[in-house]
Each structure stands twice: as structure tokens, then as C-alpha cells.
Amino acid sequence: MKYFDAHDHLQNYRSKTGTAVELKLAAETGVEYMLCNGTSPGDWAAVLALAAEHKGVIPCFGLHPWFIKEGAPGWLEVLEGFLARVPSCVGEIGLDGSQNATDPARQKAIFTAQLRLAKKLGRPACVHCVKAWGGMMETIKEEKPGPFMFHSYGGPAEMMAEFSSLGAYFSFSGAIMDKKREKLRRALMAAPADRLLFETEAPDADAPGWRGGPAGIAAVIKAAAGIMGKPAEELAALSLANGKKFTEHIGG
């Protein structure tokens, strides 16, 4: 089987050796492409280097809502410069209403600016959303970006049809392995087949009992197959095709 890992952070491995080991294992597993997401200006160069060094690593550059304090004056122009240098996506960007998140107004302003940049450049966006689904729907409707993907989707199943009509893809992580996440599993079952993706969030793992490297995408898809009652081969092929469709215009 061949795989597409829709979201990881390879730059967060502690060493180049560790990254190389994980990417070798991913290649042996059949991972053809993966989206490596930057989260702040401090890691964009590392993401760029990883994409240059490793075939199949697609870079994504963005300012994550957890790191908005790192958005120094001129950050948006720097971001546009990175995006212009290489075929890439805008991400990881988004909104976060969790307890540890700060400054909702600035979050929205930064998120909106990046959505507008993605639209200007014709790039897809990789979006983070936690406990901010109403605000997310409002912003997406206002900005009308091009294709965008919710990474590790955790929103209501009932919102998926409308989000899909606005250009959304839905990526599911190892969190689906948690049997307590019934709401998440309902969302997985409701995802439109032509917008369904899977991810590892490597080097982190969203559920206990599985290895959080990019090769772990095989375990995520196997778990999804069990939940959905579909062959793992079918889901792997479907998500790979959807991933290629999502990224087909990243060259501008």
C-alpha cells in the first residue's frame, strides 16, 4: 500500500539522525508524500531544509495560534517569501479557544491574514481548530479561501457538510484509536469520501499504544478501516488520491 501523511512536524525531532531513521521507516512502509508543517518563523527554515533534503516531504509554512507572540513586525512578508521559494502550503494556522490559548482577537487577525495570503498565492491551507468552531465557520465564510484542510479534525459531524461546501478537507489522526472518542468516530463516519485524509502528527502521537512517526500512518488507516468497515487498502488509496488533489496547485 502507498500512503499520504496529511500532517506532521518533522522539524521537531531532536536530531537529524532521528529524522532520517523515521523517514527511512516511512519510505519502507510506503509513505509517498507527507505535509511537514511549520508553526512559527523560528522553524520555517528547518521545514524548508527538510523538504529540500527528502523527496516526498511537502513543506508548509504558517504562524500557529499557540505562537502568535512570535509574529514580530514583518512576519507576514517573511512568510510570503518562504511560500514563494518552493511549492508549499500555508500552515499550520488557525484558531484555538482552549484554556491555554491567548488573545482571540489577535488570533483571528493573524489567521485571517494568512487565509488571505493563501488565497492570493493560490495555495491550500492546513488549519488547526480547537474549541473555536463557530468562529472558524464565520471566518471561513467571510474569507472564502481556496482548499483548506482541518488537521486532526475534532469538530462536530453536523458541521462537515457545510465546511465541505466551503472547500474543506478533513484529516483524522491516531486519536480515532481512543475508544472514548465517540464524537470523533461519528465525524470520521460522516466525512465526505472525496475529502477524507489521515495523519500522524509525528513526532507526537494522539493516542496511546502506537508509534508516532510518519510510518504510523499505516496504523491510523488500519484503525479507521476497522471503524468504518472498509478495507485498509481502499482507505489508503482514497486518502492518497485526495492528498494529491489537495496539493495539486501548490506550485502556483
C-alpha atoms as a PDB file:
ATOM      1  CA  MET A   1       0.000   0.000   0.000  1.00  0.00           C
ATOM      2  CA  LYS A   2       1.012   3.605  -0.598  1.00  0.00           C
ATOM      3  CA  TYR A   3       0.228   6.359   1.898  1.00  0.00           C
ATOM      4  CA  PHE A   4      -0.154  10.112   2.320  1.00  0.00           C
ATOM      5  CA  ASP A   5       0.551  11.576   5.773  1.00  0.00           C
ATOM      6  CA  ALA A   6      -1.515  14.762   5.822  1.00  0.00           C
ATOM      7  CA  HIS A   7       0.153  16.391   8.829  1.00  0.00           C
ATOM      8  CA  ASP A   8       3.399  16.101  10.732  1.00  0.00           C
ATOM      9  CA  HIS A   9       6.187  18.221  12.236  1.00  0.00           C
ATOM     10  CA  LEU A  10       9.432  16.555  11.188  1.00  0.00           C
ATOM     11  CA  GLN A  11      11.413  19.587  12.342  1.00  0.00           C
ATOM     12  CA  ASN A  12      10.551  18.674  15.931  1.00  0.00           C
ATOM     13  CA  TYR A  13      12.663  15.527  16.027  1.00  0.00           C
ATOM     14  CA  ARG A  14      15.623  16.027  18.327  1.00  0.00           C
ATOM     15  CA  SER A  15      18.275  15.156  15.768  1.00  0.00           C
ATOM     16  CA  LYS A  16      18.844  14.792  12.038  1.00  0.00           C
ATOM     17  CA  THR A  17      19.684  11.164  12.653  1.00  0.00           C
ATOM     18  CA  GLY A  18      16.342  10.583  14.327  1.00  0.00           C
ATOM     19  CA  THR A  19      14.529  12.257  11.481  1.00  0.00           C
ATOM     20  CA  ALA A  20      16.431  10.195   8.907  1.00  0.00           C
ATOM     21  CA  VAL A  21      15.578   6.962  10.707  1.00  0.00           C
ATOM     22  CA  GLU A  22      11.882   7.854  10.802  1.00  0.00           C
ATOM     23  CA  LEU A  23      11.822   8.859   7.143  1.00  0.00           C
ATOM     24  CA  LYS A  24      13.583   5.650   6.120  1.00  0.00           C
ATOM     25  CA  LEU A  25      10.982   3.637   8.010  1.00  0.00           C
ATOM     26  CA  ALA A  26       8.221   5.703   6.397  1.00  0.00           C
ATOM     27  CA  ALA A  27       9.619   5.003   2.930  1.00  0.00           C
ATOM     28  CA  GLU A  28       9.816   1.283   3.699  1.00  0.00           C
ATOM     29  CA  THR A  29       6.186   1.399   4.854  1.00  0.00           C
ATOM     30  CA  GLY A  30       5.095   3.010   1.594  1.00  0.00           C
ATOM     31  CA  VAL A  31       4.599   6.653   2.593  1.00  0.00           C
ATOM     32  CA  GLU A  32       4.882   8.571  -0.686  1.00  0.00           C
ATOM     33  CA  TYR A  33       4.071  12.096   0.478  1.00  0.00           C
ATOM     34  CA  MET A  34       3.709  13.979   3.725  1.00  0.00           C
ATOM     35  CA  LEU A  35       2.885  17.544   4.711  1.00  0.00           C
ATOM     36  CA  CYS A  36       5.508  18.914   7.109  1.00  0.00           C
ATOM     37  CA  ASN A  37       4.035  21.893   8.960  1.00  0.00           C
ATOM     38  CA  GLY A  38       5.910  24.853  10.341  1.00  0.00           C
ATOM     39  CA  THR A  39       4.383  26.701  13.280  1.00  0.00           C
ATOM     40  CA  SER A  40       6.374  29.940  13.614  1.00  0.00           C
ATOM     41  CA  PRO A  41       9.120  31.948  11.889  1.00  0.00           C
ATOM     42  CA  GLY A  42      11.636  30.101  14.054  1.00  0.00           C
ATOM     43  CA  ASP A  43      11.108  26.755  12.324  1.00  0.00           C
ATOM     44  CA  TRP A  44      10.316  27.728   8.727  1.00  0.00           C
ATOM     45  CA  ALA A  45      13.942  27.386   7.607  1.00  0.00           C
ATOM     46  CA  ALA A  46      14.134  23.889   9.123  1.00  0.00           C
ATOM     47  CA  VAL A  47      10.972  22.855   7.274  1.00  0.00           C
ATOM     48  CA  LEU A  48      12.388  24.252   4.028  1.00  0.00           C
ATOM     49  CA  ALA A  49      15.619  22.286   4.523  1.00  0.00           C
ATOM     50  CA  LEU A  50      13.778  19.039   5.242  1.00  0.00           C
ATOM     51  CA  ALA A  51      11.762  19.377   2.046  1.00  0.00           C
ATOM     52  CA  ALA A  52      14.942  20.060   0.051  1.00  0.00           C
ATOM     53  CA  GLU A  53      16.685  17.015   1.520  1.00  0.00           C
ATOM     54  CA  HIS A  54      13.880  14.458   1.398  1.00  0.00           C
ATOM     55  CA  LYS A  55      11.741  13.571  -1.593  1.00  0.00           C
ATOM     56  CA  GLY A  56       8.054  13.417  -0.795  1.00  0.00           C
ATOM     57  CA  VAL A  57       8.197  15.957   2.050  1.00  0.00           C
ATOM     58  CA  ILE A  58       5.917  18.848   1.130  1.00  0.00           C
ATOM     59  CA  PRO A  59       6.658  21.987   3.179  1.00  0.00           C
ATOM     60  CA  CYS A  60       4.023  24.103   4.875  1.00  0.00           C
ATOM     61  CA  PHE A  61       4.763  27.490   6.437  1.00  0.00           C
ATOM     62  CA  GLY A  62       2.495  29.291   8.874  1.00  0.00           C
ATOM     63  CA  LEU A  63       2.063  31.011  12.218  1.00  0.00           C
ATOM     64  CA  HIS A  64       0.204  28.717  14.624  1.00  0.00           C
ATOM     65  CA  PRO A  65      -2.263  30.284  17.108  1.00  0.00           C
ATOM     66  CA  TRP A  66      -0.159  28.984  20.030  1.00  0.00           C
ATOM     67  CA  PHE A  67       2.802  31.037  18.821  1.00  0.00           C
ATOM     68  CA  ILE A  68       1.247  34.341  17.827  1.00  0.00           C
ATOM     69  CA  LYS A  69       3.680  36.174  20.127  1.00  0.00           C
ATOM     70  CA  GLU A  70       6.418  35.151  17.688  1.00  0.00           C
ATOM     71  CA  GLY A  71       4.777  37.162  14.930  1.00  0.00           C
ATOM     72  CA  ALA A  72       7.194  40.089  15.051  1.00  0.00           C
ATOM     73  CA  PRO A  73       6.698  43.073  12.714  1.00  0.00           C
ATOM     74  CA  GLY A  74       7.186  41.955   9.131  1.00  0.00           C
ATOM     75  CA  TRP A  75       6.386  38.288   9.800  1.00  0.00           C
ATOM     76  CA  LEU A  76       3.738  38.127   7.062  1.00  0.00           C
ATOM     77  CA  GLU A  77       6.169  39.364   4.423  1.00  0.00           C
ATOM     78  CA  VAL A  78       8.732  36.807   5.595  1.00  0.00           C
ATOM     79  CA  LEU A  79       6.066  34.101   5.337  1.00  0.00           C
ATOM     80  CA  GLU A  80       5.208  35.129   1.788  1.00  0.00           C
ATOM     81  CA  GLY A  81       8.898  34.936   0.931  1.00  0.00           C
ATOM     82  CA  PHE A  82       9.123  31.338   2.113  1.00  0.00           C
ATOM     83  CA  LEU A  83       5.979  30.376   0.238  1.00  0.00           C
ATOM     84  CA  ALA A  84       7.331  31.954  -2.940  1.00  0.00           C
ATOM     85  CA  ARG A  85      10.566  29.968  -2.778  1.00  0.00           C
ATOM     86  CA  VAL A  86       9.144  26.471  -3.102  1.00  0.00           C
ATOM     87  CA  PRO A  87       5.903  24.611  -3.870  1.00  0.00           C
ATOM     88  CA  SER A  88       4.228  24.664  -0.468  1.00  0.00           C
ATOM     89  CA  CYS A  89       1.072  25.041   1.607  1.00  0.00           C
ATOM     90  CA  VAL A  90       0.130  27.651   4.195  1.00  0.00           C
ATOM     91  CA  GLY A  91       0.122  26.007   7.594  1.00  0.00           C
ATOM     92  CA  GLU A  92      -0.197  25.342  10.368  1.00  0.00           C
ATOM     93  CA  ILE A  93      -2.605  28.197  11.001  1.00  0.00           C
ATOM     94  CA  GLY A  94      -5.921  28.514  12.775  1.00  0.00           C
ATOM     95  CA  LEU A  95      -7.927  29.330  15.882  1.00  0.00           C
ATOM     96  CA  ASP A  96      -7.690  27.885  19.376  1.00  0.00           C
ATOM     97  CA  GLY A  97     -10.195  28.542  22.131  1.00  0.00           C
ATOM     98  CA  SER A  98      -8.716  26.151  24.683  1.00  0.00           C
ATOM     99  CA  GLN A  99      -7.816  27.191  28.197  1.00  0.00           C
ATOM    100  CA  ASN A 100      -4.164  27.852  27.409  1.00  0.00           C
ATOM    101  CA  ALA A 101      -4.835  29.940  24.289  1.00  0.00           C
ATOM    102  CA  THR A 102      -4.497  33.714  24.400  1.00  0.00           C
ATOM    103  CA  ASP A 103      -5.766  36.869  22.674  1.00  0.00           C
ATOM    104  CA  PRO A 104      -8.673  35.656  20.491  1.00  0.00           C
ATOM    105  CA  ALA A 105      -8.793  38.937  18.551  1.00  0.00           C
ATOM    106  CA  ARG A 106      -5.132  38.731  17.560  1.00  0.00           C
ATOM    107  CA  GLN A 107      -5.538  35.048  16.742  1.00  0.00           C
ATOM    108  CA  LYS A 108      -8.330  35.881  14.316  1.00  0.00           C
ATOM    109  CA  ALA A 109      -6.383  38.746  12.747  1.00  0.00           C
ATOM    110  CA  ILE A 110      -3.345  36.540  12.168  1.00  0.00           C
ATOM    111  CA  PHE A 111      -5.442  33.647  10.893  1.00  0.00           C
ATOM    112  CA  THR A 112      -7.348  35.936   8.522  1.00  0.00           C
ATOM    113  CA  ALA A 113      -4.149  37.458   7.166  1.00  0.00           C
ATOM    114  CA  GLN A 114      -2.789  34.012   6.376  1.00  0.00           C
ATOM    115  CA  LEU A 115      -6.010  32.841   4.742  1.00  0.00           C
ATOM    116  CA  ARG A 116      -5.849  35.913   2.517  1.00  0.00           C
ATOM    117  CA  LEU A 117      -2.234  35.160   1.652  1.00  0.00           C
ATOM    118  CA  ALA A 118      -3.150  31.565   0.787  1.00  0.00           C
ATOM    119  CA  LYS A 119      -5.916  32.838  -1.476  1.00  0.00           C
ATOM    120  CA  LYS A 120      -3.619  35.415  -3.082  1.00  0.00           C
ATOM    121  CA  LEU A 121      -0.993  32.777  -3.897  1.00  0.00           C
ATOM    122  CA  GLY A 122      -3.478  30.028  -4.759  1.00  0.00           C
ATOM    123  CA  ARG A 123      -2.156  27.733  -2.024  1.00  0.00           C
ATOM    124  CA  PRO A 124      -4.105  25.276   0.126  1.00  0.00           C
ATOM    125  CA  ALA A 125      -4.102  25.866   3.882  1.00  0.00           C
ATOM    126  CA  CYS A 126      -3.583  23.444   6.778  1.00  0.00           C
ATOM    127  CA  VAL A 127      -5.851  24.544   9.612  1.00  0.00           C
ATOM    128  CA  HIS A 128      -5.857  23.980  13.370  1.00  0.00           C
ATOM    129  CA  CYS A 129      -9.145  24.415  15.232  1.00  0.00           C
ATOM    130  CA  VAL A 130      -9.818  23.664  18.893  1.00  0.00           C
ATOM    131  CA  LYS A 131     -12.948  24.829  20.696  1.00  0.00           C
ATOM    132  CA  ALA A 132     -13.491  27.604  18.175  1.00  0.00           C
ATOM    133  CA  TRP A 133     -15.800  26.042  15.609  1.00  0.00           C
ATOM    134  CA  GLY A 134     -18.354  28.853  15.498  1.00  0.00           C
ATOM    135  CA  GLY A 135     -15.653  31.454  14.953  1.00  0.00           C
ATOM    136  CA  MET A 136     -13.988  29.208  12.404  1.00  0.00           C
ATOM    137  CA  MET A 137     -17.174  28.875  10.355  1.00  0.00           C
ATOM    138  CA  GLU A 138     -17.709  32.618  10.497  1.00  0.00           C
ATOM    139  CA  THR A 139     -14.158  33.361   9.351  1.00  0.00           C
ATOM    140  CA  ILE A 140     -14.177  30.834   6.524  1.00  0.00           C
ATOM    141  CA  LYS A 141     -17.462  32.233   5.251  1.00  0.00           C
ATOM    142  CA  GLU A 142     -16.069  35.753   5.400  1.00  0.00           C
ATOM    143  CA  GLU A 143     -12.776  34.989   3.672  1.00  0.00           C
ATOM    144  CA  LYS A 144     -13.816  32.282   1.209  1.00  0.00           C
ATOM    145  CA  PRO A 145     -10.326  30.779   0.835  1.00  0.00           C
ATOM    146  CA  GLY A 146      -9.410  28.078  -1.620  1.00  0.00           C
ATOM    147  CA  PRO A 147      -8.967  24.468  -0.496  1.00  0.00           C
ATOM    148  CA  PHE A 148      -8.161  24.051   3.186  1.00  0.00           C
ATOM    149  CA  MET A 149      -7.747  21.074   5.471  1.00  0.00           C
ATOM    150  CA  PHE A 150      -8.694  20.652   9.107  1.00  0.00           C
ATOM    151  CA  HIS A 151      -5.857  18.691  10.616  1.00  0.00           C
ATOM    152  CA  SER A 152      -6.776  16.196  13.344  1.00  0.00           C
ATOM    153  CA  TYR A 153     -10.420  17.101  12.885  1.00  0.00           C
ATOM    154  CA  GLY A 154     -12.298  17.184  16.173  1.00  0.00           C
ATOM    155  CA  GLY A 155     -15.347  19.238  15.309  1.00  0.00           C
ATOM    156  CA  PRO A 156     -18.991  18.211  15.119  1.00  0.00           C
ATOM    157  CA  ALA A 157     -20.049  15.790  12.421  1.00  0.00           C
ATOM    158  CA  GLU A 158     -23.009  18.095  11.790  1.00  0.00           C
ATOM    159  CA  MET A 159     -20.743  20.909  10.530  1.00  0.00           C
ATOM    160  CA  MET A 160     -18.847  18.828   7.987  1.00  0.00           C
ATOM    161  CA  ALA A 161     -21.229  19.188   5.056  1.00  0.00           C
ATOM    162  CA  GLU A 162     -21.184  22.991   5.242  1.00  0.00           C
ATOM    163  CA  PHE A 163     -17.430  23.132   5.738  1.00  0.00           C
ATOM    164  CA  SER A 164     -17.013  20.795   2.771  1.00  0.00           C
ATOM    165  CA  SER A 165     -19.104  23.107   0.585  1.00  0.00           C
ATOM    166  CA  LEU A 166     -16.658  25.877   1.522  1.00  0.00           C
ATOM    167  CA  GLY A 167     -13.612  23.869   0.409  1.00  0.00           C
ATOM    168  CA  ALA A 168     -12.696  21.810   3.471  1.00  0.00           C
ATOM    169  CA  TYR A 169     -10.844  18.532   3.657  1.00  0.00           C
ATOM    170  CA  PHE A 170     -10.834  16.548   6.906  1.00  0.00           C
ATOM    171  CA  SER A 171      -7.773  14.785   8.268  1.00  0.00           C
ATOM    172  CA  PHE A 172      -8.049  12.267  11.102  1.00  0.00           C
ATOM    173  CA  SER A 173      -5.217  11.318  13.427  1.00  0.00           C
ATOM    174  CA  GLY A 174      -4.426   8.460  15.784  1.00  0.00           C
ATOM    175  CA  ALA A 175      -6.983   9.962  18.162  1.00  0.00           C
ATOM    176  CA  ILE A 176      -9.569   7.763  16.423  1.00  0.00           C
ATOM    177  CA  MET A 177      -7.946   4.821  18.215  1.00  0.00           C
ATOM    178  CA  ASP A 178      -9.237   6.146  21.534  1.00  0.00           C
ATOM    179  CA  LYS A 179     -12.455   4.233  22.143  1.00  0.00           C
ATOM    180  CA  LYS A 180     -13.700   7.033  24.398  1.00  0.00           C
ATOM    181  CA  ARG A 181     -13.773   9.473  21.447  1.00  0.00           C
ATOM    182  CA  GLU A 182     -17.260   8.550  20.201  1.00  0.00           C
ATOM    183  CA  LYS A 183     -17.926  12.040  18.812  1.00  0.00           C
ATOM    184  CA  LEU A 184     -14.712  11.864  16.810  1.00  0.00           C
ATOM    185  CA  ARG A 185     -15.615   8.475  15.409  1.00  0.00           C
ATOM    186  CA  ARG A 186     -19.011   9.791  14.329  1.00  0.00           C
ATOM    187  CA  ALA A 187     -17.229  12.582  12.479  1.00  0.00           C
ATOM    188  CA  LEU A 188     -14.975  10.055  10.758  1.00  0.00           C
ATOM    189  CA  MET A 189     -18.021   8.154   9.554  1.00  0.00           C
ATOM    190  CA  ALA A 190     -19.596  11.397   8.291  1.00  0.00           C
ATOM    191  CA  ALA A 191     -16.572  12.648   6.354  1.00  0.00           C
ATOM    192  CA  PRO A 192     -17.164  13.029   2.593  1.00  0.00           C
ATOM    193  CA  ALA A 193     -15.162  10.325   0.832  1.00  0.00           C
ATOM    194  CA  ASP A 194     -13.546  12.778  -1.590  1.00  0.00           C
ATOM    195  CA  ARG A 195     -12.316  14.988   1.291  1.00  0.00           C
ATOM    196  CA  LEU A 196     -11.003  12.324   3.669  1.00  0.00           C
ATOM    197  CA  LEU A 197      -7.361  12.342   4.802  1.00  0.00           C
ATOM    198  CA  PHE A 198      -5.285  10.777   7.586  1.00  0.00           C
ATOM    199  CA  GLU A 199      -2.261  11.975   9.534  1.00  0.00           C
ATOM    200  CA  THR A 200       0.282  11.053  12.187  1.00  0.00           C
ATOM    201  CA  GLU A 201       1.137  14.409  13.851  1.00  0.00           C
ATOM    202  CA  ALA A 202       4.686  12.968  14.087  1.00  0.00           C
ATOM    203  CA  PRO A 203       6.745  13.056  16.184  1.00  0.00           C
ATOM    204  CA  ASP A 204       3.809  13.275  18.595  1.00  0.00           C
ATOM    205  CA  ALA A 205       1.050  10.705  18.819  1.00  0.00           C
ATOM    206  CA  ASP A 206      -2.580  11.498  19.553  1.00  0.00           C
ATOM    207  CA  ALA A 207      -3.385   8.161  21.162  1.00  0.00           C
ATOM    208  CA  PRO A 208      -1.590   5.621  23.357  1.00  0.00           C
ATOM    209  CA  GLY A 209      -0.352   2.329  22.017  1.00  0.00           C
ATOM    210  CA  TRP A 210       1.075   3.302  18.656  1.00  0.00           C
ATOM    211  CA  ARG A 211       4.288   4.783  17.357  1.00  0.00           C
ATOM    212  CA  GLY A 212       4.031   8.429  16.398  1.00  0.00           C
ATOM    213  CA  GLY A 213       6.343   8.502  13.375  1.00  0.00           C
ATOM    214  CA  PRO A 214       5.221   9.091   9.789  1.00  0.00           C
ATOM    215  CA  ALA A 215       5.228   5.326   9.246  1.00  0.00           C
ATOM    216  CA  GLY A 216       2.420   5.241  11.816  1.00  0.00           C
ATOM    217  CA  ILE A 217       0.020   6.363   9.106  1.00  0.00           C
ATOM    218  CA  ALA A 218      -0.454   2.678   8.324  1.00  0.00           C
ATOM    219  CA  ALA A 219      -1.747   2.096  11.869  1.00  0.00           C
ATOM    220  CA  VAL A 220      -4.050   5.119  11.700  1.00  0.00           C
ATOM    221  CA  ILE A 221      -5.589   3.915   8.437  1.00  0.00           C
ATOM    222  CA  LYS A 222      -5.928   0.368   9.757  1.00  0.00           C
ATOM    223  CA  ALA A 223      -7.826   1.721  12.761  1.00  0.00           C
ATOM    224  CA  ALA A 224     -10.041   3.846  10.512  1.00  0.00           C
ATOM    225  CA  ALA A 225     -10.767   0.824   8.336  1.00  0.00           C
ATOM    226  CA  GLY A 226     -11.949  -1.106  11.380  1.00  0.00           C
ATOM    227  CA  ILE A 227     -14.231   1.727  12.471  1.00  0.00           C
ATOM    228  CA  MET A 228     -15.651   2.353   9.000  1.00  0.00           C
ATOM    229  CA  GLY A 229     -15.933  -1.275   7.944  1.00  0.00           C
ATOM    230  CA  LYS A 230     -13.815  -0.719   4.853  1.00  0.00           C
ATOM    231  CA  PRO A 231     -10.621  -2.374   3.598  1.00  0.00           C
ATOM    232  CA  ALA A 232      -7.458  -0.580   4.691  1.00  0.00           C
ATOM    233  CA  GLU A 233      -6.204  -0.769   1.102  1.00  0.00           C
ATOM    234  CA  GLU A 234      -9.240   1.180  -0.063  1.00  0.00           C
ATOM    235  CA  LEU A 235      -8.757   3.944   2.514  1.00  0.00           C
ATOM    236  CA  ALA A 236      -5.031   4.184   1.822  1.00  0.00           C
ATOM    237  CA  ALA A 237      -5.650   4.592  -1.914  1.00  0.00           C
ATOM    238  CA  LEU A 238      -8.509   7.033  -1.344  1.00  0.00           C
ATOM    239  CA  SER A 239      -6.558   9.258   1.035  1.00  0.00           C
ATOM    240  CA  LEU A 240      -3.508   9.240  -1.241  1.00  0.00           C
ATOM    241  CA  ALA A 241      -5.672  10.365  -4.166  1.00  0.00           C
ATOM    242  CA  ASN A 242      -7.299  13.038  -2.006  1.00  0.00           C
ATOM    243  CA  GLY A 243      -3.897  14.216  -0.796  1.00  0.00           C
ATOM    244  CA  LYS A 244      -2.644  14.580  -4.347  1.00  0.00           C
ATOM    245  CA  LYS A 245      -5.789  16.538  -5.248  1.00  0.00           C
ATOM    246  CA  PHE A 246      -5.369  18.799  -2.216  1.00  0.00           C
ATOM    247  CA  THR A 247      -1.770  19.645  -3.145  1.00  0.00           C
ATOM    248  CA  GLU A 248      -2.074  19.727  -6.945  1.00  0.00           C
ATOM    249  CA  HIS A 249      -1.851  23.526  -7.192  1.00  0.00           C
ATOM    250  CA  ILE A 250       0.900  24.229  -4.669  1.00  0.00           C
ATOM    251  CA  GLY A 251       3.341  25.205  -7.379  1.00  0.00           C
ATOM    252  CA  GLY A 252       1.323  28.363  -8.030  1.00  0.00           C
END
